Amino acid sequence: MAVPKRKTSKTRRDKRRSSHWKLETPGVVTCPKCGAYRMPHRACKACGTYNGREILVVAESKANSAK
């Protein structure tokens, strides 16, 4: 049976494992209603819609009410 000749140090062990837990950049999509960037499968923070329905009530900002 294969047995290691020497103990693997914690540093060497952790260096080998480090590449398995790298974080990926999150996918970002545009909202079909307002065009703002949002995370997929989540309600849009800008307009409050998800899947074509208004889920969140978003207060209009001063810039939008002035137009």
Protein backbone atom coordinates (compact mmCIF):
# COMPACT_ATOMS: atom_id res chain seq x y z
CA MET A 1 0.00 0.00 0.00
CA ALA A 2 1.26 3.49 -0.85
CA VAL A 3 2.20 5.49 2.23
CA PRO A 4 3.62 9.04 2.21
CA LYS A 5 7.28 9.22 3.24
CA ARG A 6 6.92 12.60 4.94
CA LYS A 7 4.16 14.68 6.46
CA THR A 8 2.68 17.26 4.07
CA SER A 9 2.94 20.68 5.71
CA LYS A 10 -0.14 22.83 6.20
CA THR A 11 1.21 25.42 3.78
CA ARG A 12 1.80 22.90 1.00
CA ARG A 13 -1.60 21.30 1.60
CA ASP A 14 -3.41 24.65 1.55
CA LYS A 15 -1.59 25.83 -1.59
CA ARG A 16 -2.83 22.74 -3.38
CA ARG A 17 -6.42 23.33 -2.26
CA SER A 18 -6.48 27.09 -2.89
CA SER A 19 -7.63 26.95 -6.50
CA HIS A 20 -10.83 25.03 -5.67
CA TRP A 21 -12.48 27.86 -3.75
CA LYS A 22 -11.93 30.86 -6.02
CA LEU A 23 -14.94 33.13 -6.30
CA GLU A 24 -16.37 33.73 -9.73
CA THR A 25 -17.68 37.05 -10.91
CA PRO A 26 -21.45 37.15 -10.68
CA GLY A 27 -23.46 37.15 -13.88
CA VAL A 28 -25.16 40.47 -14.50
CA VAL A 29 -28.15 40.96 -16.79
CA THR A 30 -30.14 44.01 -17.82
CA CYS A 31 -33.70 44.60 -16.67
CA PRO A 32 -36.12 44.24 -19.61
CA LYS A 33 -38.29 47.11 -18.34
CA CYS A 34 -35.83 49.85 -17.35
CA GLY A 35 -32.48 48.57 -18.66
CA ALA A 36 -30.67 48.78 -15.32
CA TYR A 37 -28.13 46.10 -14.43
CA ARG A 38 -29.30 43.50 -11.91
CA MET A 39 -28.47 39.99 -10.69
CA PRO A 40 -30.31 37.18 -12.50
CA HIS A 41 -33.41 35.72 -10.81
CA ARG A 42 -33.81 38.76 -8.54
CA ALA A 43 -36.12 41.74 -8.56
CA CYS A 44 -34.78 44.92 -10.13
CA LYS A 45 -33.87 47.54 -7.51
CA ALA A 46 -34.40 50.40 -9.92
CA CYS A 47 -37.98 49.69 -11.03
CA GLY A 48 -39.07 46.88 -8.66
CA THR A 49 -40.19 44.38 -11.31
CA TYR A 50 -39.53 40.66 -11.57
CA ASN A 51 -40.76 38.39 -14.36
CA GLY A 52 -42.93 41.15 -15.81
CA ARG A 53 -44.75 41.90 -12.53
CA GLU A 54 -44.18 44.74 -10.08
CA ILE A 55 -42.95 43.14 -6.87
CA LEU A 56 -41.33 46.02 -4.99
CA VAL A 57 -42.66 49.53 -4.50
CA VAL A 58 -39.82 51.87 -5.42
CA ALA A 59 -40.08 55.54 -4.50
CA GLU A 60 -39.29 57.88 -7.39
CA SER A 61 -36.15 59.91 -6.99
CA LYS A 62 -36.11 63.71 -7.31
CA ALA A 63 -34.41 63.46 -10.70
CA ASN A 64 -37.22 61.34 -12.15
CA SER A 65 -40.06 63.45 -10.69
CA ALA A 66 -38.58 66.69 -12.12
CA LYS A 67 -38.88 65.45 -15.72
